[in-house]
Amino acid sequence: MPIVHAEAEPVGGFVGTSISEPILQAGVLAVVGSYMIYLQPFLALAVAARILQPVKSLT
């Protein structure tokens, strides 16, 4: 039984982190984006346009 517990704990930590980290990062992105829209709406629009612009391939 200790072997099962020793292997289940890291897997559980990995699964928990794989769920919580994207949620945390999306929250940070939303807060920073909304703060940027509040301070400088035109600059935020320019940044959003640049980020959403399709990337041209180098070939």
PDB file of N, CA and C in Angstrom:
ATOM      1  N   MET A   1       0.802  -1.207   0.000  1.00  0.00           N
ATOM      2  CA  MET A   1       0.000   0.000   0.000  1.00  0.00           C
ATOM      3  C   MET A   1       0.844   1.271   0.000  1.00  0.00           C
ATOM      4  N   PRO A   2       1.968   1.320   0.701  1.00  0.00           N
ATOM      5  CA  PRO A   2       2.778   2.541   0.645  1.00  0.00           C
ATOM      6  C   PRO A   2       3.276   2.865  -0.767  1.00  0.00           C
ATOM      7  N   ILE A   3       3.495   1.839  -1.600  1.00  0.00           N
ATOM      8  CA  ILE A   3       3.972   2.089  -2.962  1.00  0.00           C
ATOM      9  C   ILE A   3       2.883   2.785  -3.776  1.00  0.00           C
ATOM     10  N   VAL A   4       1.648   2.347  -3.596  1.00  0.00           N
ATOM     11  CA  VAL A   4       0.541   2.974  -4.323  1.00  0.00           C
ATOM     12  C   VAL A   4       0.388   4.425  -3.890  1.00  0.00           C
ATOM     13  N   HIS A   5       0.501   4.662  -2.600  1.00  0.00           N
ATOM     14  CA  HIS A   5       0.394   6.034  -2.098  1.00  0.00           C
ATOM     15  C   HIS A   5       1.561   6.891  -2.593  1.00  0.00           C
ATOM     16  N   ALA A   6       2.730   6.331  -2.646  1.00  0.00           N
ATOM     17  CA  ALA A   6       3.908   7.076  -3.090  1.00  0.00           C
ATOM     18  C   ALA A   6       3.797   7.459  -4.565  1.00  0.00           C
ATOM     19  N   GLU A   7       3.136   6.638  -5.365  1.00  0.00           N
ATOM     20  CA  GLU A   7       2.981   6.959  -6.784  1.00  0.00           C
ATOM     21  C   GLU A   7       1.750   7.816  -7.046  1.00  0.00           C
ATOM     22  N   ALA A   8       0.729   7.683  -6.217  1.00  0.00           N
ATOM     23  CA  ALA A   8      -0.510   8.427  -6.441  1.00  0.00           C
ATOM     24  C   ALA A   8      -0.351   9.903  -6.060  1.00  0.00           C
ATOM     25  N   GLU A   9       0.466  10.183  -5.070  1.00  0.00           N
ATOM     26  CA  GLU A   9       0.619  11.569  -4.625  1.00  0.00           C
ATOM     27  C   GLU A   9       1.225  12.469  -5.704  1.00  0.00           C
ATOM     28  N   PRO A  10       2.322  12.091  -6.364  1.00  0.00           N
ATOM     29  CA  PRO A  10       2.847  12.961  -7.435  1.00  0.00           C
ATOM     30  C   PRO A  10       1.891  13.094  -8.622  1.00  0.00           C
ATOM     31  N   VAL A  11       1.189  12.013  -8.952  1.00  0.00           N
ATOM     32  CA  VAL A  11       0.234  12.081 -10.062  1.00  0.00           C
ATOM     33  C   VAL A  11      -0.907  13.023  -9.710  1.00  0.00           C
ATOM     34  N   GLY A  12      -1.406  12.937  -8.489  1.00  0.00           N
ATOM     35  CA  GLY A  12      -2.466  13.836  -8.052  1.00  0.00           C
ATOM     36  C   GLY A  12      -2.019  15.283  -8.047  1.00  0.00           C
ATOM     37  N   GLY A  13      -0.777  15.520  -7.632  1.00  0.00           N
ATOM     38  CA  GLY A  13      -0.244  16.880  -7.660  1.00  0.00           C
ATOM     39  C   GLY A  13      -0.129  17.406  -9.067  1.00  0.00           C
ATOM     40  N   PHE A  14       0.290  16.547  -9.987  1.00  0.00           N
ATOM     41  CA  PHE A  14       0.416  16.951 -11.391  1.00  0.00           C
ATOM     42  C   PHE A  14      -0.950  17.276 -11.978  1.00  0.00           C
ATOM     43  N   VAL A  15      -1.935  16.436 -11.712  1.00  0.00           N
ATOM     44  CA  VAL A  15      -3.278  16.670 -12.251  1.00  0.00           C
ATOM     45  C   VAL A  15      -3.868  17.943 -11.653  1.00  0.00           C
ATOM     46  N   GLY A  16      -3.679  18.134 -10.357  1.00  0.00           N
ATOM     47  CA  GLY A  16      -4.181  19.355  -9.725  1.00  0.00           C
ATOM     48  C   GLY A  16      -3.541  20.596 -10.290  1.00  0.00           C
ATOM     49  N   THR A  17      -2.242  20.542 -10.505  1.00  0.00           N
ATOM     50  CA  THR A  17      -1.529  21.686 -11.076  1.00  0.00           C
ATOM     51  C   THR A  17      -1.935  21.921 -12.527  1.00  0.00           C
ATOM     52  N   SER A  18      -2.159  20.848 -13.272  1.00  0.00           N
ATOM     53  CA  SER A  18      -2.539  21.017 -14.682  1.00  0.00           C
ATOM     54  C   SER A  18      -3.927  21.623 -14.825  1.00  0.00           C
ATOM     55  N   ILE A  19      -4.737  21.545 -13.782  1.00  0.00           N
ATOM     56  CA  ILE A  19      -6.054  22.177 -13.818  1.00  0.00           C
ATOM     57  C   ILE A  19      -5.981  23.604 -13.277  1.00  0.00           C
ATOM     58  N   SER A  20      -5.256  23.799 -12.183  1.00  0.00           N
ATOM     59  CA  SER A  20      -5.269  25.106 -11.521  1.00  0.00           C
ATOM     60  C   SER A  20      -4.391  26.146 -12.221  1.00  0.00           C
ATOM     61  N   GLU A  21      -3.278  25.748 -12.792  1.00  0.00           N
ATOM     62  CA  GLU A  21      -2.378  26.713 -13.424  1.00  0.00           C
ATOM     63  C   GLU A  21      -3.010  27.446 -14.611  1.00  0.00           C
ATOM     64  N   PRO A  22      -3.667  26.755 -15.553  1.00  0.00           N
ATOM     65  CA  PRO A  22      -4.301  27.503 -16.653  1.00  0.00           C
ATOM     66  C   PRO A  22      -5.395  28.448 -16.173  1.00  0.00           C
ATOM     67  N   ILE A  23      -6.128  28.045 -15.131  1.00  0.00           N
ATOM     68  CA  ILE A  23      -7.163  28.925 -14.589  1.00  0.00           C
ATOM     69  C   ILE A  23      -6.529  30.163 -13.971  1.00  0.00           C
ATOM     70  N   LEU A  24      -5.444  29.967 -13.235  1.00  0.00           N
ATOM     71  CA  LEU A  24      -4.734  31.089 -12.635  1.00  0.00           C
ATOM     72  C   LEU A  24      -4.181  32.019 -13.704  1.00  0.00           C
ATOM     73  N   GLN A  25      -3.551  31.462 -14.727  1.00  0.00           N
ATOM     74  CA  GLN A  25      -2.973  32.287 -15.784  1.00  0.00           C
ATOM     75  C   GLN A  25      -4.050  33.042 -16.568  1.00  0.00           C
ATOM     76  N   ALA A  26      -5.194  32.397 -16.810  1.00  0.00           N
ATOM     77  CA  ALA A  26      -6.292  33.085 -17.499  1.00  0.00           C
ATOM     78  C   ALA A  26      -6.829  34.229 -16.646  1.00  0.00           C
ATOM     79  N   GLY A  27      -6.885  34.021 -15.344  1.00  0.00           N
ATOM     80  CA  GLY A  27      -7.326  35.091 -14.448  1.00  0.00           C
ATOM     81  C   GLY A  27      -6.378  36.261 -14.453  1.00  0.00           C
ATOM     82  N   VAL A  28      -5.082  35.973 -14.431  1.00  0.00           N
ATOM     83  CA  VAL A  28      -4.079  37.045 -14.476  1.00  0.00           C
ATOM     84  C   VAL A  28      -4.179  37.798 -15.803  1.00  0.00           C
ATOM     85  N   LEU A  29      -4.336  37.074 -16.894  1.00  0.00           N
ATOM     86  CA  LEU A  29      -4.481  37.710 -18.203  1.00  0.00           C
ATOM     87  C   LEU A  29      -5.723  38.595 -18.252  1.00  0.00           C
ATOM     88  N   ALA A  30      -6.821  38.130 -17.693  1.00  0.00           N
ATOM     89  CA  ALA A  30      -8.060  38.911 -17.682  1.00  0.00           C
ATOM     90  C   ALA A  30      -7.906  40.175 -16.839  1.00  0.00           C
ATOM     91  N   VAL A  31      -7.254  40.058 -15.685  1.00  0.00           N
ATOM     92  CA  VAL A  31      -7.076  41.224 -14.814  1.00  0.00           C
ATOM     93  C   VAL A  31      -6.153  42.247 -15.469  1.00  0.00           C
ATOM     94  N   VAL A  32      -5.042  41.787 -16.017  1.00  0.00           N
ATOM     95  CA  VAL A  32      -4.109  42.713 -16.664  1.00  0.00           C
ATOM     96  C   VAL A  32      -4.757  43.356 -17.884  1.00  0.00           C
ATOM     97  N   GLY A  33      -5.486  42.570 -18.663  1.00  0.00           N
ATOM     98  CA  GLY A  33      -6.163  43.126 -19.831  1.00  0.00           C
ATOM     99  C   GLY A  33      -7.219  44.143 -19.465  1.00  0.00           C
ATOM    100  N   SER A  34      -8.013  43.841 -18.435  1.00  0.00           N
ATOM    101  CA  SER A  34      -9.043  44.795 -18.037  1.00  0.00           C
ATOM    102  C   SER A  34      -8.438  46.062 -17.435  1.00  0.00           C
ATOM    103  N   TYR A  35      -7.349  45.924 -16.702  1.00  0.00           N
ATOM    104  CA  TYR A  35      -6.682  47.106 -16.159  1.00  0.00           C
ATOM    105  C   TYR A  35      -6.090  47.958 -17.285  1.00  0.00           C
ATOM    106  N   MET A  36      -5.552  47.287 -18.288  1.00  0.00           N
ATOM    107  CA  MET A  36      -4.996  48.014 -19.422  1.00  0.00           C
ATOM    108  C   MET A  36      -6.100  48.726 -20.199  1.00  0.00           C
ATOM    109  N   ILE A  37      -7.245  48.083 -20.345  1.00  0.00           N
ATOM    110  CA  ILE A  37      -8.387  48.721 -21.020  1.00  0.00           C
ATOM    111  C   ILE A  37      -8.869  49.927 -20.207  1.00  0.00           C
ATOM    112  N   TYR A  38      -8.840  49.799 -18.892  1.00  0.00           N
ATOM    113  CA  TYR A  38      -9.269  50.907 -18.026  1.00  0.00           C
ATOM    114  C   TYR A  38      -8.326  52.104 -18.155  1.00  0.00           C
ATOM    115  N   LEU A  39      -7.013  51.830 -18.197  1.00  0.00           N
ATOM    116  CA  LEU A  39      -6.050  52.931 -18.246  1.00  0.00           C
ATOM    117  C   LEU A  39      -5.896  53.520 -19.637  1.00  0.00           C
ATOM    118  N   GLN A  40      -5.653  52.667 -20.609  1.00  0.00           N
ATOM    119  CA  GLN A  40      -5.367  53.120 -21.977  1.00  0.00           C
ATOM    120  C   GLN A  40      -6.161  52.264 -22.969  1.00  0.00           C
ATOM    121  N   PRO A  41      -7.395  52.611 -23.242  1.00  0.00           N
ATOM    122  CA  PRO A  41      -8.203  51.767 -24.123  1.00  0.00           C
ATOM    123  C   PRO A  41      -7.643  51.651 -25.549  1.00  0.00           C
ATOM    124  N   PHE A  42      -7.103  52.730 -26.085  1.00  0.00           N
ATOM    125  CA  PHE A  42      -6.586  52.675 -27.454  1.00  0.00           C
ATOM    126  C   PHE A  42      -5.318  51.830 -27.536  1.00  0.00           C
ATOM    127  N   LEU A  43      -4.465  51.932 -26.536  1.00  0.00           N
ATOM    128  CA  LEU A  43      -3.268  51.102 -26.502  1.00  0.00           C
ATOM    129  C   LEU A  43      -3.636  49.634 -26.322  1.00  0.00           C
ATOM    130  N   ALA A  44      -4.622  49.364 -25.486  1.00  0.00           N
ATOM    131  CA  ALA A  44      -5.080  47.987 -25.302  1.00  0.00           C
ATOM    132  C   ALA A  44      -5.649  47.425 -26.602  1.00  0.00           C
ATOM    133  N   LEU A  45      -6.366  48.254 -27.343  1.00  0.00           N
ATOM    134  CA  LEU A  45      -6.901  47.825 -28.636  1.00  0.00           C
ATOM    135  C   LEU A  45      -5.775  47.535 -29.623  1.00  0.00           C
ATOM    136  N   ALA A  46      -4.745  48.372 -29.625  1.00  0.00           N
ATOM    137  CA  ALA A  46      -3.607  48.155 -30.520  1.00  0.00           C
ATOM    138  C   ALA A  46      -2.868  46.872 -30.165  1.00  0.00           C
ATOM    139  N   VAL A  47      -2.691  46.631 -28.880  1.00  0.00           N
ATOM    140  CA  VAL A  47      -2.011  45.401 -28.446  1.00  0.00           C
ATOM    141  C   VAL A  47      -2.845  44.182 -28.811  1.00  0.00           C
ATOM    142  N   ALA A  48      -4.157  44.256 -28.585  1.00  0.00           N
ATOM    143  CA  ALA A  48      -5.033  43.136 -28.934  1.00  0.00           C
ATOM    144  C   ALA A  48      -5.017  42.872 -30.433  1.00  0.00           C
ATOM    145  N   ALA A  49      -4.997  43.935 -31.227  1.00  0.00           N
ATOM    146  CA  ALA A  49      -4.940  43.754 -32.681  1.00  0.00           C
ATOM    147  C   ALA A  49      -3.635  43.110 -33.100  1.00  0.00           C
ATOM    148  N   ARG A  50      -2.553  43.498 -32.438  1.00  0.00           N
ATOM    149  CA  ARG A  50      -1.239  42.921 -32.766  1.00  0.00           C
ATOM    150  C   ARG A  50      -1.164  41.453 -32.350  1.00  0.00           C
ATOM    151  N   ILE A  51      -1.719  41.130 -31.214  1.00  0.00           N
ATOM    152  CA  ILE A  51      -1.680  39.750 -30.731  1.00  0.00           C
ATOM    153  C   ILE A  51      -2.576  38.853 -31.590  1.00  0.00           C
ATOM    154  N   LEU A  52      -3.744  39.364 -31.976  1.00  0.00           N
ATOM    155  CA  LEU A  52      -4.696  38.556 -32.746  1.00  0.00           C
ATOM    156  C   LEU A  52      -4.395  38.529 -34.227  1.00  0.00           C
ATOM    157  N   GLN A  53      -3.443  39.344 -34.670  1.00  0.00           N
ATOM    158  CA  GLN A  53      -3.056  39.360 -36.075  1.00  0.00           C
ATOM    159  C   GLN A  53      -2.449  38.005 -36.449  1.00  0.00           C
ATOM    160  N   PRO A  54      -2.848  37.437 -37.573  1.00  0.00           N
ATOM    161  CA  PRO A  54      -2.269  36.156 -37.963  1.00  0.00           C
ATOM    162  C   PRO A  54      -0.769  36.269 -38.197  1.00  0.00           C
ATOM    163  N   VAL A  55      -0.059  35.264 -37.741  1.00  0.00           N
ATOM    164  CA  VAL A  55       1.385  35.240 -37.895  1.00  0.00           C
ATOM    165  C   VAL A  55       1.710  34.711 -39.286  1.00  0.00           C
ATOM    166  N   LYS A  56       2.505  35.479 -40.027  1.00  0.00           N
ATOM    167  CA  LYS A  56       2.909  35.043 -41.366  1.00  0.00           C
ATOM    168  C   LYS A  56       4.098  34.110 -41.230  1.00  0.00           C
ATOM    169  N   SER A  57       4.103  33.061 -42.018  1.00  0.00           N
ATOM    170  CA  SER A  57       5.220  32.116 -41.949  1.00  0.00           C
ATOM    171  C   SER A  57       6.448  32.712 -42.599  1.00  0.00           C
ATOM    172  N   LEU A  58       7.607  32.225 -42.208  1.00  0.00           N
ATOM    173  CA  LEU A  58       8.872  32.744 -42.718  1.00  0.00           C
ATOM    174  C   LEU A  58       9.229  32.174 -44.084  1.00  0.00           C
ATOM    175  N   THR A  59       8.473  31.182 -44.546  1.00  0.00           N
ATOM    176  CA  THR A  59       8.792  30.583 -45.842  1.00  0.00           C
ATOM    177  C   THR A  59       8.036  31.223 -46.960  1.00  0.00           C
TER     178      THR A  59
END
